[in-house]
């Protein structure tokens, strides 16, 4: 299982020309990492 790509979704224009919201992307990455660590801990119990 892998997380979904972070970004504007199916619209290619923002992906090519938009400026990413770095704070929002950082928050999403931290949230994703936290989720996977929690799931891993449950599986390893």
N, C-alpha and C. Protein backbone atom coordinates (compact mmCIF):
# COMPACT_ATOMS: atom_id res chain seq x y z
N UNK A 1 0.84 -1.17 0.00
CA UNK A 1 0.00 0.00 0.00
C UNK A 1 0.89 1.24 0.00
N UNK A 2 0.55 2.19 -0.84
CA UNK A 2 1.31 3.43 -0.89
C UNK A 2 0.36 4.61 -0.81
N UNK A 3 0.83 5.73 -0.28
CA UNK A 3 -0.03 6.91 -0.22
C UNK A 3 -0.27 7.49 -1.61
N UNK A 4 -1.35 8.20 -1.75
CA UNK A 4 -1.65 8.88 -3.00
C UNK A 4 -0.66 10.01 -3.22
N UNK A 5 -0.37 10.34 -4.48
CA UNK A 5 0.51 11.48 -4.74
C UNK A 5 -0.09 12.77 -4.19
N UNK A 6 0.75 13.61 -3.67
CA UNK A 6 0.28 14.89 -3.14
C UNK A 6 0.29 15.91 -4.25
N UNK A 7 -0.79 16.63 -4.40
CA UNK A 7 -0.84 17.63 -5.45
C UNK A 7 -2.26 17.99 -5.81
N UNK A 8 -2.42 18.63 -6.96
CA UNK A 8 -3.71 19.21 -7.31
C UNK A 8 -4.73 18.23 -7.87
N UNK A 9 -4.46 16.96 -7.89
CA UNK A 9 -5.42 16.00 -8.41
C UNK A 9 -5.28 15.81 -9.90
N UNK A 10 -6.41 15.68 -10.60
CA UNK A 10 -6.38 15.36 -12.01
C UNK A 10 -6.17 16.52 -12.95
N UNK A 11 -6.10 17.73 -12.44
CA UNK A 11 -5.93 18.90 -13.30
C UNK A 11 -4.45 19.12 -13.56
N UNK A 12 -3.97 18.92 -14.81
CA UNK A 12 -2.53 19.03 -15.06
C UNK A 12 -1.99 20.47 -15.04
N UNK A 13 -2.85 21.47 -15.27
CA UNK A 13 -2.35 22.84 -15.34
C UNK A 13 -1.69 23.28 -14.03
N UNK A 14 -2.35 23.14 -12.86
CA UNK A 14 -1.66 23.53 -11.62
C UNK A 14 -0.41 22.71 -11.36
N UNK A 15 -0.44 21.45 -11.76
CA UNK A 15 0.74 20.60 -11.55
C UNK A 15 1.93 21.13 -12.34
N UNK A 16 1.67 21.67 -13.53
CA UNK A 16 2.76 22.16 -14.38
C UNK A 16 3.16 23.60 -14.04
N UNK A 17 2.18 24.44 -13.69
CA UNK A 17 2.46 25.87 -13.58
C UNK A 17 2.17 26.46 -12.21
N UNK A 18 1.49 25.73 -11.35
CA UNK A 18 1.12 26.26 -10.05
C UNK A 18 2.28 26.23 -9.06
N UNK A 19 2.18 27.06 -8.05
CA UNK A 19 3.17 27.06 -6.98
C UNK A 19 2.60 26.24 -5.83
N UNK A 20 3.34 25.24 -5.35
CA UNK A 20 2.82 24.41 -4.27
C UNK A 20 2.76 25.18 -2.95
N UNK A 21 1.79 24.83 -2.16
CA UNK A 21 1.68 25.38 -0.81
C UNK A 21 2.56 24.50 0.07
N UNK A 22 3.77 24.97 0.35
CA UNK A 22 4.75 24.14 1.06
C UNK A 22 4.28 23.74 2.45
N UNK A 23 3.63 24.66 3.15
CA UNK A 23 3.15 24.33 4.50
C UNK A 23 2.10 23.22 4.45
N UNK A 24 1.20 23.31 3.48
CA UNK A 24 0.17 22.29 3.35
C UNK A 24 0.78 20.94 2.96
N UNK A 25 1.74 20.95 2.04
CA UNK A 25 2.39 19.70 1.66
C UNK A 25 3.16 19.10 2.83
N UNK A 26 3.85 19.93 3.60
CA UNK A 26 4.56 19.43 4.79
C UNK A 26 3.58 18.77 5.76
N UNK A 27 2.43 19.42 5.97
CA UNK A 27 1.42 18.88 6.87
C UNK A 27 0.90 17.53 6.36
N UNK A 28 0.65 17.44 5.05
CA UNK A 28 0.16 16.19 4.48
C UNK A 28 1.19 15.07 4.59
N UNK A 29 2.45 15.40 4.36
CA UNK A 29 3.52 14.39 4.48
C UNK A 29 3.63 13.91 5.92
N UNK A 30 3.61 14.83 6.88
CA UNK A 30 3.69 14.44 8.28
C UNK A 30 2.49 13.59 8.70
N UNK A 31 1.31 13.97 8.23
CA UNK A 31 0.10 13.21 8.55
C UNK A 31 0.18 11.81 7.96
N UNK A 32 0.65 11.69 6.73
CA UNK A 32 0.78 10.39 6.08
C UNK A 32 1.80 9.51 6.81
N UNK A 33 2.95 10.09 7.14
CA UNK A 33 3.98 9.33 7.84
C UNK A 33 3.48 8.86 9.20
N UNK A 34 2.78 9.73 9.91
CA UNK A 34 2.23 9.38 11.23
C UNK A 34 1.24 8.22 11.10
N UNK A 35 0.38 8.30 10.10
CA UNK A 35 -0.61 7.25 9.88
C UNK A 35 0.08 5.90 9.63
N UNK A 36 1.07 5.88 8.75
CA UNK A 36 1.74 4.63 8.43
C UNK A 36 2.52 4.09 9.62
N UNK A 37 3.12 4.96 10.41
CA UNK A 37 3.83 4.48 11.62
C UNK A 37 2.86 3.87 12.62
N UNK A 38 1.68 4.50 12.78
CA UNK A 38 0.67 3.96 13.69
C UNK A 38 0.20 2.59 13.20
N UNK A 39 -0.06 2.47 11.91
CA UNK A 39 -0.50 1.18 11.35
C UNK A 39 0.58 0.12 11.50
N UNK A 40 1.82 0.51 11.26
CA UNK A 40 2.93 -0.43 11.40
C UNK A 40 3.04 -0.92 12.83
N UNK A 41 2.89 -0.01 13.80
CA UNK A 41 2.98 -0.39 15.21
C UNK A 41 1.90 -1.40 15.58
N UNK A 42 0.69 -1.20 15.06
CA UNK A 42 -0.40 -2.15 15.34
C UNK A 42 -0.07 -3.52 14.76
N UNK A 43 0.46 -3.54 13.55
CA UNK A 43 0.79 -4.81 12.91
C UNK A 43 1.93 -5.54 13.61
N UNK A 44 2.84 -4.80 14.21
CA UNK A 44 4.00 -5.41 14.86
C UNK A 44 3.73 -5.83 16.30
N UNK A 45 2.57 -5.48 16.83
CA UNK A 45 2.24 -5.86 18.22
C UNK A 45 2.06 -7.34 18.36
